[in-house]
Protein backbone atom coordinates (compact mmCIF):
# COMPACT_ATOMS: atom_id res chain seq x y z
CA MET A 1 -34.59 89.24 -44.52
CA ILE A 2 -33.33 91.09 -41.45
CA THR A 3 -35.94 93.41 -40.02
CA PRO A 4 -35.37 97.22 -39.97
CA LYS A 5 -35.14 97.05 -36.17
CA HIS A 6 -32.19 94.70 -36.33
CA ILE A 7 -30.50 96.56 -39.17
CA SER A 8 -30.76 99.90 -37.37
CA SER A 9 -29.34 98.44 -34.19
CA LEU A 10 -26.50 96.74 -36.03
CA GLN A 11 -25.71 99.66 -38.35
CA PRO A 12 -25.55 102.89 -36.35
CA LYS A 13 -23.75 104.42 -39.32
CA LYS A 14 -24.34 103.75 -43.01
CA ILE A 15 -21.74 101.61 -44.72
CA ALA A 16 -21.21 100.55 -48.30
CA SER A 17 -23.26 97.53 -49.35
CA THR A 18 -20.03 95.74 -50.26
CA ASP A 19 -18.85 96.11 -46.66
CA PHE A 20 -22.06 94.78 -45.10
CA ILE A 21 -21.90 91.10 -44.06
CA ALA A 22 -25.49 89.87 -44.18
CA GLY A 23 -24.64 86.51 -42.60
CA LEU A 24 -23.14 88.20 -39.55
CA ALA A 25 -26.17 90.48 -39.27
CA LYS A 26 -28.49 87.47 -39.35
CA GLY A 27 -26.47 85.68 -36.66
CA MET A 28 -26.62 88.74 -34.41
CA ALA A 29 -30.36 89.03 -35.06
CA VAL A 30 -30.79 85.44 -33.88
CA LEU A 31 -28.81 86.15 -30.71
CA GLU A 32 -30.91 89.25 -30.06
CA SER A 33 -34.06 87.15 -30.37
CA PHE A 34 -33.46 85.75 -26.88
CA ASP A 35 -34.82 87.95 -24.09
CA THR A 36 -36.67 87.75 -20.77
CA GLU A 37 -39.94 86.99 -22.55
CA ARG A 38 -38.49 84.16 -24.65
CA GLN A 39 -35.54 82.50 -22.97
CA LYS A 40 -35.76 79.34 -25.08
CA LEU A 41 -36.33 79.28 -28.84
CA ASN A 42 -36.61 76.66 -31.55
CA ALA A 43 -35.89 77.33 -35.22
CA THR A 44 -39.46 78.40 -35.95
CA LEU A 45 -39.62 80.94 -33.12
CA ALA A 46 -36.12 82.23 -33.88
CA SER A 47 -37.01 82.75 -37.55
CA GLN A 48 -40.13 84.72 -36.61
CA ARG A 49 -38.27 86.90 -34.12
CA ALA A 50 -35.20 87.51 -36.29
CA GLY A 51 -37.15 88.02 -39.51
CA ILE A 52 -35.32 85.32 -41.46
CA THR A 53 -36.31 81.95 -42.93
CA ARG A 54 -36.65 78.91 -40.69
CA ALA A 55 -33.83 77.15 -42.55
CA ALA A 56 -31.50 80.12 -42.02
CA ALA A 57 -32.50 80.38 -38.36
CA ARG A 58 -31.77 76.69 -37.83
CA ARG A 59 -28.29 77.01 -39.37
CA HIS A 60 -27.47 80.03 -37.24
CA LEU A 61 -28.75 78.36 -34.07
CA LEU A 62 -26.66 75.27 -34.72
CA THR A 63 -23.58 77.36 -35.53
CA LEU A 64 -23.96 79.50 -32.40
CA ALA A 65 -24.40 76.33 -30.33
CA HIS A 66 -21.28 74.85 -31.94
CA LEU A 67 -19.34 78.02 -31.04
CA GLY A 68 -20.56 77.80 -27.44
CA TYR A 69 -22.85 80.84 -27.39
CA LEU A 70 -26.00 78.72 -27.13
CA GLU A 71 -26.96 75.53 -25.34
CA THR A 72 -29.53 73.10 -26.71
CA ASP A 73 -31.51 69.98 -25.92
CA GLY A 74 -31.81 69.16 -29.60
CA ALA A 75 -35.07 71.00 -30.12
CA TYR A 76 -34.80 74.28 -28.20
CA PHE A 77 -31.86 76.63 -27.74
CA TRP A 78 -30.95 79.08 -24.99
CA LEU A 79 -28.08 81.46 -24.22
CA SER A 80 -24.95 80.06 -22.59
CA PRO A 81 -22.72 81.89 -20.09
CA LYS A 82 -20.25 82.54 -22.92
CA VAL A 83 -22.35 85.48 -24.16
CA LEU A 84 -21.39 87.31 -20.95
CA ARG A 85 -17.94 87.77 -22.44
CA PHE A 86 -19.35 90.66 -24.45
CA SER A 87 -20.95 92.45 -21.51
CA GLY A 88 -17.94 91.74 -19.29
CA SER A 89 -15.59 93.25 -21.84
CA TYR A 90 -17.83 96.29 -22.23
CA LEU A 91 -18.13 96.92 -18.50
CA ALA A 92 -14.39 96.48 -18.05
CA SER A 93 -13.43 98.85 -20.84
CA ALA A 94 -16.30 101.35 -21.19
CA ARG A 95 -15.48 104.79 -19.86
CA LEU A 96 -18.99 105.80 -18.74
CA PRO A 97 -19.56 103.10 -16.08
CA ARG A 98 -16.02 103.50 -14.77
CA ILE A 99 -16.36 107.26 -14.33
CA LEU A 100 -19.81 107.21 -12.73
CA GLN A 101 -19.61 104.20 -10.43
CA PRO A 102 -18.07 106.23 -7.53
CA THR A 103 -20.91 108.75 -7.88
CA LEU A 104 -23.53 105.99 -7.73
CA ASN A 105 -21.87 104.46 -4.68
CA ARG A 106 -21.80 107.83 -2.93
CA LEU A 107 -25.47 108.54 -3.65
CA ALA A 108 -26.48 105.06 -2.46
CA SER A 109 -24.48 105.52 0.73
CA GLN A 110 -26.08 108.92 1.40
CA THR A 111 -29.67 107.91 0.74
CA LYS A 112 -29.82 104.10 1.14
CA LYS A 113 -31.52 103.89 -2.27
CA SER A 114 -30.67 102.30 -5.62
CA PHE A 115 -29.16 104.40 -8.42
CA SER A 116 -28.35 103.57 -12.04
CA VAL A 117 -26.80 105.02 -15.17
CA VAL A 118 -28.79 104.15 -18.27
CA VAL A 119 -28.33 104.61 -22.04
CA LEU A 120 -30.84 104.43 -24.88
CA ASP A 121 -30.73 101.63 -27.46
CA GLY A 122 -33.57 101.79 -29.96
CA ASP A 123 -36.87 101.32 -28.14
CA GLU A 124 -35.19 100.17 -24.92
CA VAL A 125 -32.87 101.52 -22.26
CA VAL A 126 -29.89 99.58 -20.94
CA ILE A 127 -28.43 99.77 -17.43
CA VAL A 128 -24.65 100.23 -17.77
CA ALA A 129 -23.80 101.06 -14.13
CA ARG A 130 -25.65 100.51 -10.89
CA SER A 131 -25.32 100.81 -7.13
CA ASP A 132 -27.70 99.23 -4.60
CA GLY A 133 -29.00 101.09 -1.60
CA CYS A 134 -28.38 99.73 1.87
CA ASP A 135 -31.99 99.90 3.03
CA ARG A 136 -33.04 96.41 4.09
CA ARG A 137 -36.64 97.24 5.02
CA PRO A 138 -39.20 94.94 3.35
CA SER A 139 -39.96 96.32 -0.09
CA VAL A 140 -40.86 95.47 -3.63
CA THR A 141 -37.76 94.47 -5.57
CA PRO A 142 -37.94 96.14 -8.99
CA TYR A 143 -37.84 93.50 -11.70
CA GLY A 144 -34.85 93.41 -14.02
CA LEU A 145 -32.71 96.05 -12.31
CA HIS A 146 -29.27 94.60 -12.95
CA LEU A 147 -26.31 95.49 -15.12
CA GLY A 148 -27.18 94.97 -18.76
CA ALA A 149 -30.92 94.87 -18.12
CA ARG A 150 -33.04 96.20 -20.97
CA LEU A 151 -36.24 98.07 -20.12
CA PRO A 152 -38.91 99.73 -22.31
CA ALA A 153 -38.04 103.36 -23.02
CA HIS A 154 -41.63 104.60 -23.06
CA ALA A 155 -42.48 103.22 -19.61
CA THR A 156 -39.36 104.30 -17.69
CA SER A 157 -38.13 107.63 -16.37
CA THR A 158 -34.70 107.18 -17.95
CA GLY A 159 -36.23 106.29 -21.30
CA ARG A 160 -38.38 109.40 -21.36
CA MET A 161 -35.48 111.57 -20.23
CA LEU A 162 -33.34 110.23 -23.07
CA LEU A 163 -36.16 110.60 -25.58
CA ALA A 164 -36.49 114.20 -24.42
CA SER A 165 -32.86 114.79 -25.36
CA MET A 166 -33.54 113.89 -29.00
CA GLU A 167 -34.04 116.59 -31.59
CA LYS A 168 -37.76 116.88 -32.23
CA PRO A 169 -37.67 115.50 -35.80
CA VAL A 170 -35.74 112.47 -34.55
CA PHE A 171 -38.19 111.94 -31.71
CA ASN A 172 -41.14 112.29 -34.11
CA ALA A 173 -39.59 109.62 -36.31
CA TRP A 174 -39.10 107.41 -33.23
CA CYS A 175 -42.80 107.74 -32.37
CA LYS A 176 -44.15 107.22 -35.89
CA GLY A 177 -46.14 104.00 -36.12
CA ARG A 178 -44.82 102.76 -32.79
CA ILE A 179 -46.91 100.43 -30.63
CA LEU A 180 -46.37 101.06 -26.91
CA SER A 181 -46.75 97.90 -24.84
CA ARG A 182 -48.78 97.91 -21.63
CA PHE A 183 -47.04 96.58 -18.50
CA THR A 184 -49.40 97.84 -15.77
CA SER A 185 -52.68 99.70 -15.58
CA CYS A 186 -50.62 102.90 -15.27
CA THR A 187 -48.55 102.44 -18.45
CA THR A 188 -48.73 105.18 -21.09
CA THR A 189 -49.73 103.38 -24.29
CA THR A 190 -50.46 106.17 -26.80
CA THR A 191 -47.85 108.24 -28.59
CA THR A 192 -50.00 111.34 -28.10
CA ALA A 193 -49.76 111.00 -24.32
CA LEU A 194 -46.08 110.04 -24.51
CA ARG A 195 -45.26 113.14 -26.55
CA LYS A 196 -46.79 115.34 -23.84
CA LEU A 197 -44.88 113.57 -21.07
CA VAL A 198 -41.60 113.75 -22.98
CA ALA A 199 -42.19 117.46 -23.66
CA GLN A 200 -42.74 117.96 -19.92
CA ALA A 201 -39.50 116.11 -19.10
CA ARG A 202 -37.67 118.24 -21.67
CA ALA A 203 -39.03 121.47 -20.17
CA GLN A 204 -38.31 120.67 -16.53
CA ASP A 205 -35.09 118.71 -17.22
CA TRP A 206 -36.08 115.77 -15.02
CA CYS A 207 -38.60 112.96 -15.23
CA PHE A 208 -40.71 111.10 -12.68
CA VAL A 209 -42.56 107.88 -13.54
CA ALA A 210 -44.92 106.07 -11.20
CA GLN A 211 -45.75 102.37 -11.54
CA GLU A 212 -45.71 102.32 -15.35
CA HIS A 213 -43.31 99.41 -15.74
CA GLU A 214 -44.02 97.63 -12.47
CA ILE A 215 -46.68 98.16 -9.81
CA GLY A 216 -45.27 99.64 -6.61
CA VAL A 217 -42.11 100.97 -8.28
CA TYR A 218 -41.32 104.68 -8.75
CA ALA A 219 -38.37 106.26 -10.55
CA LEU A 220 -36.82 109.71 -10.90
CA SER A 221 -34.26 110.63 -13.59
CA VAL A 222 -32.08 113.50 -14.77
CA PRO A 223 -29.95 113.75 -17.93
CA LEU A 224 -26.19 113.25 -17.90
CA ARG A 225 -24.56 115.71 -20.32
CA ASN A 226 -20.99 116.16 -21.46
CA MET A 227 -19.13 119.47 -21.68
CA HIS A 228 -20.65 120.11 -25.11
CA GLY A 229 -24.17 119.87 -23.69
CA LYS A 230 -24.97 116.57 -25.36
CA THR A 231 -27.01 114.09 -23.32
CA ILE A 232 -25.16 110.78 -23.31
CA ALA A 233 -27.02 108.92 -20.55
CA ALA A 234 -29.53 109.32 -17.71
CA LEU A 235 -29.04 109.04 -13.97
CA ASN A 236 -31.92 107.68 -11.94
CA VAL A 237 -33.09 106.50 -8.56
CA VAL A 238 -35.69 103.75 -8.06
CA VAL A 239 -37.79 103.23 -4.92
CA SER A 240 -40.73 101.05 -3.97
CA ALA A 241 -44.05 102.02 -2.44
CA ALA A 242 -43.42 99.66 0.46
CA SER A 243 -40.26 101.54 1.46
CA GLU A 244 -41.65 105.07 1.00
CA ALA A 245 -44.92 106.11 2.65
CA ASP A 246 -45.17 109.37 0.68
CA MET A 247 -43.60 111.23 -2.22
CA SER A 248 -41.46 113.59 -0.11
CA TRP A 249 -38.39 111.66 -1.21
CA VAL A 250 -38.70 113.22 -4.68
CA ASP A 251 -38.00 116.72 -3.33
CA GLN A 252 -35.12 115.33 -1.27
CA ILE A 253 -33.45 113.28 -3.99
CA LEU A 254 -33.90 115.53 -7.04
CA PRO A 255 -31.31 118.13 -5.88
CA LEU A 256 -28.81 115.31 -5.22
CA LEU A 257 -29.35 113.87 -8.71
CA THR A 258 -29.03 117.30 -10.34
CA ALA A 259 -25.87 118.11 -8.41
CA ALA A 260 -24.32 114.74 -9.23
CA ALA A 261 -25.09 115.20 -12.94
CA HIS A 262 -23.52 118.68 -12.86
CA GLU A 263 -20.39 117.38 -11.12
CA ALA A 264 -20.00 114.55 -13.61
CA ARG A 265 -20.31 116.83 -16.65
CA SER A 266 -16.63 117.81 -16.78
CA HIS A 267 -15.64 114.12 -16.88
CA LEU A 268 -18.01 112.97 -19.62
């Protein structure tokens, strides 16, 4: 059967059981089984990750390969470039990246740092718009910072800022029974500690995270709200320890982030 994680991500709104296509849900679950940790899967691994039988996983892998969404050597399967059609269509048509890209470019030009717009998707955040800084000094390159990249919500500034925007009962449900993976020695791995940090982000309306997802990488985020006050995304800046000798940049950048978020509000 499809796992609750996959069902919740595929069914943001409840639908009648007669309208739910289980086969499609299983196929999407198989596609979602591929990530940066497991770039190649066989039927056994796909079945374990998608929560379906090995026989079903094999059929879905073969079908997806036949349709061109996967490539295979006969034993293992991996994503083909065809899957980028989905992200390309989203980035071309989605309103949020289109509206905020000029803001990101302006901030990057002013500060020579990298800025992103990020949304929450389950237990991960997804980068939907990004602008690189122009600083070419030697530095640590943050891993996975590209359009469409998925990062752990609990270990990122944007994730915590978006979790802080949840109503408390919803956030409590998000935390219940959740295992928080460790990425560095600095990663917050208990929900008790995470609750305190999210409460702090909620109170101050910004979030700073140091080296929790990657050593040497620091991030600062603010919420992006629409005219109704609803948080729809987070705006952040990421820097590396090698390019910043101290933390003075936080005091310099935070007002720029806050002002940019305020300016964007009337357009969201």
